[in-house]
Amino acid sequence: MVQSVCTSLDDSVQEPESIYASAEAHLLKATASELEALRQEDGCDIKYSTPTFPRACLALMYSIPGNDKCVDCGCPDPSWASISYGTLLCLNCSGRHRGLGVKLSKVRSIYMDDWSHESIMCMLEGGNGQLAKFFGRHQLLESSDSDSDGSTFDASKSRTRKKLSELTCMRYKTKAALFYRDNLRDHVARLMAAGPYQGRQISRSPKTRVTHRIQSPK
C-alpha cells in the first residue's frame, strides 16, 4: 500500500512535465497538419479560400525565442514579418524593411496578408533570437542593443530613431545578411522536399547538417 501511494505521488510530481511535453507534441503535430494542407492548397490552380496564418503555426512561431519582441527595436507583440529572415517586426520597423525593397526584405502582415507553405516554413525556421545572435557574431549588433540572451534589440535604451534606421539599413545590406537570406531559403527548401514538418529540433539535428550553414558563413 505504501509503495502504491509513493508511486502515485511520483507520478503526480512528473505530471506537469509530461503534460507540457504532450502539449508541445500536440502543437507540432497540428502544425505539420496545417502545413501539409497549405502545401496542397499551394499546388491547386483554383483556390477556394484565402490562406491565412494557421492557428497552430502561429502559436509555434510566437514560441520561438525572441519572437515576443520586434527584432529591430524591441517593441512587444510584433505583428509584421520579414519572410527573408524569418523574423517578426513592429509596424514602424516593417515600414523601414519595405523601404529596403523586396530583394533585401519581403514584408508581410501576420494577420492581414496571405501566407504560403514556404513563407510559413521560413518563419518557423527563422526566429528573432537566431538572427540577433548571427548579427552579433558579425559585429552588426552592439552589445547594448541586445538582451543578455541575445534574443532581441532594444533601441529605447541607447538609440534615437534616426540612428536605428541607419543601423537597420546598413546591416541588411551586408554580405552577411545576404548569406543568411540565401541559406535560410535553401534550408527551408531542403526541409520542404524532405516531407512533413517535424520541428526545429529535428531540422537542426546532426543528420540534417543544416544548422551550421545558417549560422556561419564560409
N, C-alpha and C. Protein backbone atom coordinates (compact mmCIF):
# COMPACT_ATOMS: atom_id res chain seq x y z
N MET A 1 0.83 -1.20 0.00
CA MET A 1 0.00 0.00 0.00
C MET A 1 0.87 1.26 0.00
N VAL A 2 1.91 1.27 0.90
CA VAL A 2 2.80 2.42 0.97
C VAL A 2 3.51 2.63 -0.37
N GLN A 3 3.97 1.51 -0.96
CA GLN A 3 4.65 1.60 -2.25
C GLN A 3 3.72 2.14 -3.32
N SER A 4 2.47 1.75 -3.28
CA SER A 4 1.48 2.22 -4.24
C SER A 4 1.26 3.71 -4.10
N VAL A 5 1.18 4.19 -2.84
CA VAL A 5 0.99 5.61 -2.59
C VAL A 5 2.19 6.41 -3.07
N CYS A 6 3.40 5.91 -2.81
CA CYS A 6 4.62 6.59 -3.23
C CYS A 6 4.69 6.67 -4.75
N THR A 7 4.33 5.58 -5.39
CA THR A 7 4.33 5.57 -6.86
C THR A 7 3.36 6.59 -7.40
N SER A 8 2.19 6.68 -6.75
CA SER A 8 1.18 7.65 -7.16
C SER A 8 1.69 9.06 -6.98
N LEU A 9 2.40 9.33 -5.87
CA LEU A 9 2.96 10.65 -5.62
C LEU A 9 4.03 11.00 -6.65
N ASP A 10 4.87 10.02 -7.00
CA ASP A 10 5.91 10.24 -8.01
C ASP A 10 5.28 10.61 -9.34
N ASP A 11 4.20 9.91 -9.68
CA ASP A 11 3.52 10.19 -10.94
C ASP A 11 2.95 11.60 -10.96
N SER A 12 2.42 12.05 -9.80
CA SER A 12 1.83 13.38 -9.74
C SER A 12 2.89 14.46 -9.86
N VAL A 13 4.10 14.20 -9.33
CA VAL A 13 5.19 15.16 -9.44
C VAL A 13 5.63 15.31 -10.89
N GLN A 14 5.63 14.23 -11.63
CA GLN A 14 6.10 14.25 -13.01
C GLN A 14 5.03 14.73 -13.98
N GLU A 15 3.80 14.82 -13.50
CA GLU A 15 2.67 15.11 -14.38
C GLU A 15 2.79 16.44 -15.13
N PRO A 16 3.15 17.57 -14.46
CA PRO A 16 3.24 18.84 -15.20
C PRO A 16 4.21 18.77 -16.37
N GLU A 17 5.35 18.12 -16.17
CA GLU A 17 6.34 18.00 -17.24
C GLU A 17 5.80 17.16 -18.39
N SER A 18 5.12 16.06 -18.05
CA SER A 18 4.58 15.21 -19.09
C SER A 18 3.45 15.91 -19.85
N ILE A 19 2.67 16.72 -19.12
CA ILE A 19 1.61 17.48 -19.77
C ILE A 19 2.20 18.49 -20.74
N TYR A 20 3.29 19.15 -20.31
CA TYR A 20 3.95 20.13 -21.18
C TYR A 20 4.47 19.47 -22.44
N ALA A 21 5.13 18.31 -22.27
CA ALA A 21 5.68 17.59 -23.42
C ALA A 21 4.57 17.15 -24.36
N SER A 22 3.46 16.71 -23.78
CA SER A 22 2.33 16.27 -24.58
C SER A 22 1.73 17.43 -25.36
N ALA A 23 1.61 18.59 -24.70
CA ALA A 23 1.06 19.77 -25.36
C ALA A 23 1.97 20.24 -26.50
N GLU A 24 3.28 20.17 -26.25
CA GLU A 24 4.25 20.56 -27.27
C GLU A 24 4.17 19.63 -28.48
N ALA A 25 4.05 18.33 -28.21
CA ALA A 25 3.94 17.36 -29.30
C ALA A 25 2.65 17.55 -30.08
N HIS A 26 1.58 17.86 -29.35
CA HIS A 26 0.29 18.08 -29.99
C HIS A 26 0.35 19.32 -30.90
N LEU A 27 1.01 20.38 -30.41
CA LEU A 27 1.14 21.60 -31.20
C LEU A 27 1.94 21.35 -32.47
N LEU A 28 3.02 20.58 -32.35
CA LEU A 28 3.85 20.27 -33.50
C LEU A 28 3.08 19.42 -34.51
N LYS A 29 2.31 18.47 -34.01
CA LYS A 29 1.50 17.62 -34.89
C LYS A 29 0.47 18.45 -35.63
N ALA A 30 -0.19 19.37 -34.91
CA ALA A 30 -1.18 20.24 -35.54
C ALA A 30 -0.53 21.16 -36.57
N THR A 31 0.68 21.64 -36.26
CA THR A 31 1.41 22.50 -37.18
C THR A 31 1.74 21.75 -38.46
N ALA A 32 2.23 20.52 -38.34
CA ALA A 32 2.56 19.71 -39.51
C ALA A 32 1.33 19.46 -40.37
N SER A 33 0.19 19.23 -39.73
CA SER A 33 -1.06 19.01 -40.46
C SER A 33 -1.48 20.25 -41.22
N GLU A 34 -1.37 21.40 -40.58
CA GLU A 34 -1.72 22.67 -41.24
C GLU A 34 -0.80 22.95 -42.42
N LEU A 35 0.48 22.67 -42.24
CA LEU A 35 1.45 22.91 -43.32
C LEU A 35 1.19 22.00 -44.52
N GLU A 36 0.82 20.75 -44.26
CA GLU A 36 0.52 19.85 -45.37
C GLU A 36 -0.74 20.29 -46.11
N ALA A 37 -1.71 20.82 -45.40
CA ALA A 37 -2.91 21.35 -46.04
C ALA A 37 -2.56 22.56 -46.91
N LEU A 38 -1.64 23.38 -46.42
CA LEU A 38 -1.19 24.54 -47.20
C LEU A 38 -0.39 24.10 -48.41
N ARG A 39 0.40 23.06 -48.27
CA ARG A 39 1.18 22.54 -49.39
C ARG A 39 0.23 22.13 -50.53
N GLN A 40 -0.83 21.45 -50.17
CA GLN A 40 -1.81 21.03 -51.16
C GLN A 40 -2.53 22.22 -51.76
N GLU A 41 -2.84 23.21 -50.92
CA GLU A 41 -3.50 24.44 -51.39
C GLU A 41 -2.62 25.19 -52.38
N ASP A 42 -1.32 25.25 -52.08
CA ASP A 42 -0.38 25.95 -52.98
C ASP A 42 -0.30 25.26 -54.33
N GLY A 43 -0.53 23.94 -54.36
CA GLY A 43 -0.43 23.20 -55.60
C GLY A 43 -1.68 23.23 -56.45
N CYS A 44 -2.75 23.82 -55.93
CA CYS A 44 -4.00 23.87 -56.68
C CYS A 44 -4.06 25.11 -57.57
N ASP A 45 -4.58 24.94 -58.77
CA ASP A 45 -4.76 26.07 -59.67
C ASP A 45 -5.90 26.96 -59.20
N ILE A 46 -6.93 26.34 -58.62
CA ILE A 46 -8.08 27.09 -58.14
C ILE A 46 -8.07 27.05 -56.62
N LYS A 47 -8.07 28.24 -56.01
CA LYS A 47 -8.06 28.32 -54.55
C LYS A 47 -9.45 28.74 -54.07
N TYR A 48 -10.01 27.93 -53.20
CA TYR A 48 -11.37 28.17 -52.75
C TYR A 48 -11.43 29.08 -51.52
N SER A 49 -10.32 29.32 -50.90
CA SER A 49 -10.29 30.21 -49.74
C SER A 49 -8.97 30.96 -49.70
N THR A 50 -8.96 32.10 -49.02
CA THR A 50 -7.75 32.89 -48.90
C THR A 50 -6.91 32.36 -47.75
N PRO A 51 -5.68 31.86 -48.03
CA PRO A 51 -4.87 31.30 -46.95
C PRO A 51 -4.44 32.36 -45.95
N THR A 52 -4.60 32.09 -44.69
CA THR A 52 -4.12 32.96 -43.62
C THR A 52 -3.15 32.16 -42.77
N PHE A 53 -2.51 32.84 -41.81
CA PHE A 53 -1.54 32.15 -40.96
C PHE A 53 -2.29 31.17 -40.06
N PRO A 54 -2.08 29.87 -40.24
CA PRO A 54 -2.81 28.87 -39.46
C PRO A 54 -2.56 29.00 -37.96
N ARG A 55 -3.54 28.59 -37.17
CA ARG A 55 -3.52 28.82 -35.72
C ARG A 55 -2.35 28.11 -35.03
N ALA A 56 -2.14 26.83 -35.30
CA ALA A 56 -1.06 26.10 -34.65
C ALA A 56 0.30 26.63 -35.09
N CYS A 57 0.45 26.93 -36.37
CA CYS A 57 1.70 27.51 -36.87
C CYS A 57 1.98 28.85 -36.19
N LEU A 58 0.92 29.62 -35.97
CA LEU A 58 1.06 30.92 -35.31
C LEU A 58 1.56 30.75 -33.88
N ALA A 59 0.96 29.82 -33.16
CA ALA A 59 1.37 29.58 -31.77
C ALA A 59 2.82 29.10 -31.71
N LEU A 60 3.20 28.21 -32.61
CA LEU A 60 4.56 27.69 -32.63
C LEU A 60 5.56 28.79 -32.97
N MET A 61 5.20 29.65 -33.92
CA MET A 61 6.09 30.74 -34.32
C MET A 61 6.34 31.71 -33.16
N TYR A 62 5.29 32.07 -32.44
CA TYR A 62 5.46 33.02 -31.34
C TYR A 62 6.17 32.40 -30.14
N SER A 63 6.31 31.09 -30.11
CA SER A 63 7.04 30.44 -29.03
C SER A 63 8.55 30.42 -29.27
N ILE A 64 8.98 30.79 -30.47
CA ILE A 64 10.41 30.79 -30.80
C ILE A 64 11.11 31.92 -30.03
N PRO A 65 12.28 31.66 -29.46
CA PRO A 65 12.99 32.68 -28.67
C PRO A 65 13.16 34.00 -29.40
N GLY A 66 12.81 35.08 -28.70
CA GLY A 66 12.95 36.42 -29.25
C GLY A 66 11.75 36.92 -30.01
N ASN A 67 10.80 36.04 -30.33
CA ASN A 67 9.68 36.43 -31.18
C ASN A 67 8.57 37.17 -30.45
N ASP A 68 8.77 37.44 -29.17
CA ASP A 68 7.79 38.23 -28.43
C ASP A 68 8.04 39.72 -28.59
N LYS A 69 9.17 40.08 -29.24
CA LYS A 69 9.51 41.49 -29.45
C LYS A 69 10.00 41.71 -30.88
N CYS A 70 9.88 42.94 -31.34
CA CYS A 70 10.38 43.30 -32.67
C CYS A 70 11.88 43.04 -32.74
N VAL A 71 12.34 42.44 -33.81
CA VAL A 71 13.74 42.09 -33.94
C VAL A 71 14.64 43.32 -34.04
N ASP A 72 14.11 44.45 -34.50
CA ASP A 72 14.94 45.63 -34.69
C ASP A 72 14.89 46.63 -33.54
N CYS A 73 13.72 46.82 -32.92
CA CYS A 73 13.61 47.87 -31.91
C CYS A 73 13.18 47.36 -30.54
N GLY A 74 12.74 46.12 -30.46
CA GLY A 74 12.37 45.56 -29.17
C GLY A 74 10.95 45.85 -28.72
N CYS A 75 10.13 46.45 -29.57
CA CYS A 75 8.73 46.70 -29.20
C CYS A 75 8.00 45.37 -29.01
N PRO A 76 7.14 45.28 -28.00
CA PRO A 76 6.46 44.00 -27.72
C PRO A 76 5.36 43.68 -28.72
N ASP A 77 5.01 42.42 -28.80
CA ASP A 77 3.89 41.92 -29.60
C ASP A 77 3.96 42.33 -31.07
N PRO A 78 5.02 41.99 -31.77
CA PRO A 78 5.13 42.34 -33.19
C PRO A 78 4.11 41.56 -34.03
N SER A 79 3.55 42.21 -35.02
CA SER A 79 2.54 41.56 -35.86
C SER A 79 2.86 41.66 -37.35
N TRP A 80 4.09 42.01 -37.66
CA TRP A 80 4.57 42.04 -39.04
C TRP A 80 5.79 41.14 -39.14
N ALA A 81 6.14 40.76 -40.36
CA ALA A 81 7.23 39.80 -40.52
C ALA A 81 8.08 40.11 -41.73
N SER A 82 9.34 39.72 -41.64
CA SER A 82 10.23 39.68 -42.79
C SER A 82 10.46 38.22 -43.13
N ILE A 83 9.85 37.78 -44.22
CA ILE A 83 9.99 36.38 -44.63
C ILE A 83 11.44 36.07 -44.98
N SER A 84 12.16 37.03 -45.48
CA SER A 84 13.55 36.83 -45.90
C SER A 84 14.44 36.35 -44.76
N TYR A 85 14.11 36.75 -43.53
CA TYR A 85 14.93 36.39 -42.37
C TYR A 85 14.15 35.53 -41.37
N GLY A 86 12.85 35.35 -41.61
CA GLY A 86 12.04 34.60 -40.67
C GLY A 86 11.90 35.31 -39.34
N THR A 87 11.77 36.64 -39.38
CA THR A 87 11.74 37.43 -38.16
C THR A 87 10.45 38.24 -38.05
N LEU A 88 10.14 38.67 -36.82
CA LEU A 88 8.95 39.46 -36.55
C LEU A 88 9.31 40.91 -36.28
N LEU A 89 8.44 41.80 -36.76
CA LEU A 89 8.68 43.24 -36.71
C LEU A 89 7.47 43.99 -36.18
N CYS A 90 7.70 45.17 -35.63
CA CYS A 90 6.59 46.06 -35.29
C CYS A 90 6.18 46.82 -36.55
N LEU A 91 5.13 47.59 -36.46
CA LEU A 91 4.62 48.32 -37.62
C LEU A 91 5.65 49.31 -38.17
N ASN A 92 6.28 50.07 -37.27
CA ASN A 92 7.26 51.07 -37.72
C ASN A 92 8.45 50.43 -38.42
N CYS A 93 8.97 49.36 -37.85
CA CYS A 93 10.14 48.71 -38.45
C CYS A 93 9.77 47.98 -39.74
N SER A 94 8.52 47.53 -39.84
CA SER A 94 8.10 46.89 -41.10
C SER A 94 8.13 47.91 -42.24
N GLY A 95 7.84 49.18 -41.91
CA GLY A 95 7.92 50.23 -42.93
C GLY A 95 9.35 50.45 -43.38
N ARG A 96 10.29 50.38 -42.46
CA ARG A 96 11.70 50.51 -42.83
C ARG A 96 12.13 49.34 -43.72
N HIS A 97 11.66 48.16 -43.41
CA HIS A 97 12.02 46.99 -44.22
C HIS A 97 11.41 47.10 -45.62
N ARG A 98 10.21 47.62 -45.73
CA ARG A 98 9.61 47.83 -47.05
C ARG A 98 10.47 48.79 -47.87
N GLY A 99 11.05 49.77 -47.18
CA GLY A 99 11.91 50.73 -47.86
C GLY A 99 13.20 50.11 -48.38
N LEU A 100 13.60 48.98 -47.83
CA LEU A 100 14.80 48.29 -48.30
C LEU A 100 14.56 47.61 -49.64
N GLY A 101 13.30 47.31 -49.96
CA GLY A 101 12.99 46.61 -51.21
C GLY A 101 12.87 45.12 -50.99
N VAL A 102 12.12 44.45 -51.85
CA VAL A 102 11.85 43.02 -51.67
C VAL A 102 13.09 42.15 -51.85
N LYS A 103 14.11 42.64 -52.54
CA LYS A 103 15.32 41.85 -52.70
C LYS A 103 16.06 41.70 -51.37
N LEU A 104 15.88 42.67 -50.49
CA LEU A 104 16.55 42.61 -49.19
C LEU A 104 15.62 42.13 -48.08
N SER A 105 14.34 42.43 -48.19
CA SER A 105 13.41 42.03 -47.13
C SER A 105 11.97 42.00 -47.65
N LYS A 106 11.38 40.80 -47.65
CA LYS A 106 9.99 40.64 -48.06
C LYS A 106 9.11 40.73 -46.82
N VAL A 107 8.27 41.75 -46.79
CA VAL A 107 7.48 42.05 -45.60
C VAL A 107 6.03 41.58 -45.77
N ARG A 108 5.48 40.97 -44.71
CA ARG A 108 4.09 40.55 -44.69
C ARG A 108 3.46 40.88 -43.33
N SER A 109 2.16 41.11 -43.35
CA SER A 109 1.41 41.23 -42.10
C SER A 109 1.01 39.83 -41.65
N ILE A 110 1.19 39.54 -40.39
CA ILE A 110 0.84 38.22 -39.86
C ILE A 110 -0.66 37.96 -40.01
N TYR A 111 -1.47 38.98 -39.77
CA TYR A 111 -2.91 38.77 -39.70
C TYR A 111 -3.69 39.26 -40.93
N MET A 112 -3.07 40.06 -41.78
CA MET A 112 -3.83 40.63 -42.90
C MET A 112 -3.43 40.09 -44.27
N ASP A 113 -2.24 39.55 -44.41
CA ASP A 113 -1.75 39.09 -45.72
C ASP A 113 -1.93 37.58 -45.89
N ASP A 114 -1.82 37.14 -47.14
CA ASP A 114 -1.86 35.72 -47.46
C ASP A 114 -0.51 35.08 -47.13
N TRP A 115 -0.56 33.80 -46.76
CA TRP A 115 0.67 33.08 -46.40
C TRP A 115 0.74 31.75 -47.13
N SER A 116 1.87 31.50 -47.76
CA SER A 116 2.10 30.23 -48.45
C SER A 116 2.81 29.25 -47.52
N HIS A 117 2.84 28.00 -47.94
CA HIS A 117 3.55 26.96 -47.19
C HIS A 117 5.02 27.34 -47.00
N GLU A 118 5.67 27.78 -48.06
CA GLU A 118 7.09 28.13 -48.00
C GLU A 118 7.34 29.31 -47.06
N SER A 119 6.48 30.33 -47.13
CA SER A 119 6.66 31.52 -46.30
C SER A 119 6.54 31.19 -44.82
N ILE A 120 5.56 30.35 -44.48
CA ILE A 120 5.39 29.96 -43.08
C ILE A 120 6.57 29.12 -42.61
N MET A 121 7.09 28.27 -43.48
CA MET A 121 8.27 27.49 -43.13
C MET A 121 9.46 28.40 -42.81
N CYS A 122 9.60 29.48 -43.56
CA CYS A 122 10.68 30.44 -43.28
C CYS A 122 10.52 31.04 -41.89
N MET A 123 9.28 31.32 -41.50
CA MET A 123 9.05 31.89 -40.18
C MET A 123 9.31 30.87 -39.07
N LEU A 124 8.98 29.63 -39.31
CA LEU A 124 9.18 28.60 -38.30
C LEU A 124 10.64 28.19 -38.16
N GLU A 125 11.43 28.39 -39.21
CA GLU A 125 12.84 28.02 -39.17
C GLU A 125 13.76 29.22 -38.96
N GLY A 126 13.19 30.42 -38.97
CA GLY A 126 13.98 31.61 -38.67
C GLY A 126 13.91 31.90 -37.17
N GLY A 127 13.56 33.13 -36.84
CA GLY A 127 13.45 33.50 -35.43
C GLY A 127 14.27 34.73 -35.10
N ASN A 128 13.71 35.59 -34.26
CA ASN A 128 14.41 36.82 -33.89
C ASN A 128 15.69 36.57 -33.12
N GLY A 129 15.64 35.60 -32.20
CA GLY A 129 16.84 35.30 -31.43
C GLY A 129 17.96 34.77 -32.29
N GLN A 130 17.62 33.93 -33.24
CA GLN A 130 18.61 33.34 -34.14
C GLN A 130 19.31 34.41 -34.98
N LEU A 131 18.52 35.36 -35.52
CA LEU A 131 19.11 36.42 -36.33
C LEU A 131 19.94 37.37 -35.48
N ALA A 132 19.46 37.68 -34.27
CA ALA A 132 20.21 38.56 -33.38
C ALA A 132 21.59 38.00 -33.07
N LYS A 133 21.65 36.71 -32.79
CA LYS A 133 22.93 36.08 -32.49
C LYS A 133 23.84 36.07 -33.71
N PHE A 134 23.24 35.85 -34.89
CA PHE A 134 24.01 35.88 -36.13
C PHE A 134 24.61 37.26 -36.36
N PHE A 135 23.79 38.31 -36.22
CA PHE A 135 24.29 39.67 -36.38
C PHE A 135 25.36 39.99 -35.34
N GLY A 136 25.18 39.49 -34.12
CA GLY A 136 26.17 39.73 -33.08
C GLY A 136 27.53 39.15 -33.42
N ARG A 137 27.55 37.96 -34.02
CA ARG A 137 28.81 37.33 -34.39
C ARG A 137 29.52 38.09 -35.51
N HIS A 138 28.77 38.87 -36.26
CA HIS A 138 29.35 39.62 -37.38
C HIS A 138 29.48 41.10 -37.09
N GLN A 139 29.47 41.45 -35.78
CA GLN A 139 29.64 42.83 -35.35
C GLN A 139 28.63 43.77 -36.01
N LEU A 140 27.44 43.29 -36.23
CA LEU A 140 26.36 44.10 -36.79
C LEU A 140 25.32 44.42 -35.72
N LEU A 141 25.72 44.21 -34.48
CA LEU A 141 24.84 44.46 -33.35
C LEU A 141 25.69 44.85 -32.16
N GLU A 142 25.43 46.04 -31.59
CA GLU A 142 26.18 46.46 -30.41
C GLU A 142 25.62 45.76 -29.18
N SER A 143 26.47 45.50 -28.21
CA SER A 143 26.05 44.75 -27.02
C SER A 143 24.93 45.44 -26.27
N SER A 144 24.87 46.76 -26.32
CA SER A 144 23.83 47.48 -25.61
C SER A 144 22.47 47.34 -26.26
N ASP A 145 22.45 46.82 -27.50
CA ASP A 145 21.19 46.68 -28.22
C ASP A 145 20.54 45.33 -28.03
N SER A 146 21.16 44.45 -27.27
CA SER A 146 20.59 43.11 -27.13
C SER A 146 20.37 42.76 -25.67
N ASP A 147 19.43 41.88 -25.44
CA ASP A 147 19.22 41.35 -24.10
C ASP A 147 20.37 40.43 -23.75
N SER A 148 20.44 40.03 -22.52
CA SER A 148 21.54 39.18 -22.07
C SER A 148 21.61 37.87 -22.83
N ASP A 149 20.46 37.39 -23.33
CA ASP A 149 20.47 36.14 -24.08
C ASP A 149 20.61 36.36 -25.58
N GLY A 150 20.80 37.63 -25.99
CA GLY A 150 20.97 37.94 -27.40
C GLY A 150 19.71 37.74 -28.21
N SER A 151 18.56 37.80 -27.55
CA SER A 151 17.32 37.43 -28.24
C SER A 151 16.70 38.57 -29.02
N THR A 152 16.99 39.81 -28.69
CA THR A 152 16.32 40.90 -29.39
C THR A 152 17.09 42.20 -29.22
N PHE A 153 16.67 43.22 -29.91
CA PHE A 153 17.26 44.53 -29.84
C PHE A 153 16.35 45.47 -29.08
N ASP A 154 16.91 46.40 -28.33
CA ASP A 154 16.11 47.35 -27.59
C ASP A 154 16.63 48.76 -27.86
N ALA A 155 16.04 49.42 -28.83
CA ALA A 155 16.51 50.73 -29.23
C ALA A 155 16.20 51.79 -28.20
N SER A 156 15.23 51.58 -27.33
CA SER A 156 14.82 52.59 -26.37
C SER A 156 15.92 52.89 -25.36
N LYS A 157 16.90 52.00 -25.23
CA LYS A 157 17.95 52.17 -24.23
C LYS A 157 19.02 53.16 -24.69
N SER A 158 19.38 53.17 -25.96
CA SER A 158 20.57 53.92 -26.32
C SER A 158 20.55 54.56 -27.70
N ARG A 159 19.46 54.40 -28.46
CA ARG A 159 19.49 54.90 -29.83
C ARG A 159 18.31 55.77 -30.17
N THR A 160 18.56 56.81 -30.94
CA THR A 160 17.47 57.59 -31.49
C THR A 160 16.90 56.84 -32.67
N ARG A 161 15.70 57.23 -33.12
CA ARG A 161 15.09 56.55 -34.25
C ARG A 161 15.93 56.71 -35.52
N LYS A 162 16.56 57.85 -35.66
CA LYS A 162 17.37 58.09 -36.85
C LYS A 162 18.54 57.12 -36.90
N LYS A 163 19.23 56.96 -35.78
CA LYS A 163 20.36 56.05 -35.73
C LYS A 163 19.92 54.61 -35.93
N LEU A 164 18.76 54.26 -35.39
CA LEU A 164 18.24 52.92 -35.57
C LEU A 164 17.98 52.65 -37.05
N SER A 165 17.39 53.62 -37.73
CA SER A 165 17.10 53.47 -39.16
C SER A 165 18.38 53.27 -39.95
N GLU A 166 19.42 54.03 -39.61
CA GLU A 166 20.70 53.91 -40.31
C GLU A 166 21.32 52.53 -40.06
N LEU A 167 21.26 52.05 -38.83
CA LEU A 167 21.81 50.74 -38.49
C LEU A 167 21.06 49.63 -39.21
N THR A 168 19.74 49.76 -39.24
CA THR A 168 18.92 48.76 -39.91
C THR A 168 19.29 48.66 -41.38
N CYS A 169 19.33 49.80 -42.06
CA CYS A 169 19.66 49.80 -43.49
C CYS A 169 21.05 49.21 -43.74
N MET A 170 21.99 49.52 -42.85
CA MET A 170 23.37 49.06 -43.05
C MET A 170 23.47 47.55 -42.93
N ARG A 171 22.93 46.99 -41.85
CA ARG A 171 23.17 45.57 -41.62
C ARG A 171 22.42 44.66 -42.58
N TYR A 172 21.27 45.10 -43.08
CA TYR A 172 20.52 44.26 -44.01
C TYR A 172 21.05 44.35 -45.44
N LYS A 173 22.02 45.22 -45.65
CA LYS A 173 22.64 45.34 -46.97
C LYS A 173 24.02 44.68 -47.02
N THR A 174 24.43 44.06 -45.94
CA THR A 174 25.76 43.46 -45.88
C THR A 174 25.79 42.08 -46.54
N LYS A 175 27.02 41.60 -46.78
CA LYS A 175 27.19 40.25 -47.33
C LYS A 175 26.74 39.20 -46.33
N ALA A 176 26.91 39.51 -45.03
CA ALA A 176 26.48 38.57 -44.01
C ALA A 176 24.96 38.38 -44.07
N ALA A 177 24.22 39.47 -44.24
CA ALA A 177 22.76 39.38 -44.34
C ALA A 177 22.36 38.61 -45.59
N LEU A 178 23.06 38.83 -46.69
CA LEU A 178 22.79 38.08 -47.93
C LEU A 178 23.03 36.59 -47.71
N PHE A 179 24.11 36.27 -47.03
CA PHE A 179 24.40 34.87 -46.71
C PHE A 179 23.27 34.24 -45.90
N TYR A 180 22.80 34.98 -44.90
CA TYR A 180 21.72 34.47 -44.04
C TYR A 180 20.45 34.23 -44.86
N ARG A 181 20.08 35.19 -45.68
CA ARG A 181 18.87 35.06 -46.50
C ARG A 181 18.95 33.83 -47.41
N ASP A 182 20.07 33.71 -48.09
CA ASP A 182 20.23 32.61 -49.05
C ASP A 182 20.21 31.25 -48.36
N ASN A 183 20.86 31.17 -47.22
CA ASN A 183 20.95 29.88 -46.54
C ASN A 183 19.65 29.51 -45.83
N LEU A 184 18.91 30.49 -45.36
CA LEU A 184 17.59 30.20 -44.79
C LEU A 184 16.67 29.69 -45.89
N ARG A 185 16.71 30.32 -47.04
CA ARG A 185 15.88 29.88 -48.17
C ARG A 185 16.23 28.46 -48.59
N ASP A 186 17.53 28.15 -48.70
CA ASP A 186 17.95 26.81 -49.11
C ASP A 186 17.61 25.78 -48.04
N HIS A 187 17.77 26.17 -46.78
CA HIS A 187 17.44 25.30 -45.65
C HIS A 187 15.96 24.92 -45.69
N VAL A 188 15.11 25.90 -45.92
CA VAL A 188 13.66 25.66 -45.98
C VAL A 188 13.32 24.77 -47.18
N ALA A 189 13.98 25.00 -48.30
CA ALA A 189 13.72 24.19 -49.49
C ALA A 189 14.05 22.72 -49.23
N ARG A 190 15.15 22.46 -48.52
CA ARG A 190 15.51 21.08 -48.19
C ARG A 190 14.47 20.43 -47.27
N LEU A 191 14.00 21.19 -46.30
CA LEU A 191 13.01 20.65 -45.38
C LEU A 191 11.69 20.37 -46.08
N MET A 192 11.29 21.24 -46.98
CA MET A 192 10.04 21.04 -47.71
C MET A 192 10.13 19.79 -48.59
N ALA A 193 11.29 19.55 -49.17
CA ALA A 193 11.47 18.38 -50.02
C ALA A 193 11.53 17.09 -49.21
N ALA A 194 11.87 17.22 -47.92
CA ALA A 194 12.03 16.03 -47.07
C ALA A 194 10.72 15.45 -46.59
N GLY A 195 9.62 16.21 -46.73
CA GLY A 195 8.33 15.69 -46.31
C GLY A 195 7.70 16.52 -45.22
N PRO A 196 6.75 15.97 -44.47
CA PRO A 196 6.04 16.72 -43.42
C PRO A 196 7.00 17.32 -42.40
N TYR A 197 6.63 18.48 -41.89
CA TYR A 197 7.45 19.21 -40.94
C TYR A 197 7.55 18.46 -39.61
N GLN A 198 8.76 18.37 -39.06
CA GLN A 198 9.00 17.64 -37.82
C GLN A 198 9.52 18.53 -36.69
N GLY A 199 9.63 19.83 -36.96
CA GLY A 199 10.05 20.74 -35.91
C GLY A 199 11.49 21.18 -36.00
N ARG A 200 11.81 22.24 -35.28
CA ARG A 200 13.15 22.83 -35.32
C ARG A 200 14.21 21.89 -34.76
N GLN A 201 13.86 21.12 -33.75
CA GLN A 201 14.85 20.23 -33.14
C GLN A 201 15.34 19.18 -34.14
N ILE A 202 14.41 18.62 -34.91
CA ILE A 202 14.79 17.63 -35.92
C ILE A 202 15.54 18.28 -37.07
N SER A 203 15.09 19.46 -37.48
CA SER A 203 15.74 20.11 -38.62
C SER A 203 17.16 20.55 -38.30
N ARG A 204 17.48 20.65 -37.00
CA ARG A 204 18.82 21.06 -36.58
C ARG A 204 19.65 19.90 -36.04
N SER A 205 19.18 18.69 -36.20
CA SER A 205 19.93 17.53 -35.75
C SER A 205 21.14 17.29 -36.64
N PRO A 206 22.17 16.59 -36.15
CA PRO A 206 23.38 16.34 -36.94
C PRO A 206 23.10 15.66 -38.27
N LYS A 207 22.04 14.86 -38.34
CA LYS A 207 21.75 14.14 -39.57
C LYS A 207 21.36 15.06 -40.70
N THR A 208 20.72 16.20 -40.35
CA THR A 208 20.29 17.12 -41.40
C THR A 208 21.42 17.99 -41.91
N ARG A 209 22.40 18.26 -41.03
CA ARG A 209 23.57 19.06 -41.40
C ARG A 209 23.17 20.38 -42.06
N VAL A 210 22.29 21.13 -41.38
CA VAL A 210 21.87 22.41 -41.93
C VAL A 210 22.14 23.58 -41.00
N THR A 211 22.23 23.33 -39.68
CA THR A 211 22.35 24.42 -38.74
C THR A 211 23.58 25.28 -38.99
N HIS A 212 24.74 24.65 -39.20
CA HIS A 212 25.98 25.41 -39.38
C HIS A 212 25.93 26.24 -40.65
N ARG A 213 25.16 25.84 -41.63
CA ARG A 213 25.09 26.58 -42.88
C ARG A 213 24.35 27.88 -42.69
N ILE A 214 23.40 27.90 -41.76
CA ILE A 214 22.68 29.13 -41.48
C ILE A 214 23.51 30.04 -40.59
N GLN A 215 24.26 29.47 -39.67
CA GLN A 215 24.89 30.29 -38.65
C GLN A 215 26.27 30.82 -39.03
N SER A 216 27.00 30.17 -39.88
CA SER A 216 28.39 30.54 -40.09
C SER A 216 28.74 30.63 -41.57
N PRO A 217 29.00 31.85 -42.09
CA PRO A 217 29.38 31.99 -43.48
C PRO A 217 30.74 31.38 -43.73
N LYS A 218 30.98 31.00 -45.00
CA LYS A 218 32.27 30.40 -45.35
C LYS A 218 33.37 31.45 -45.36
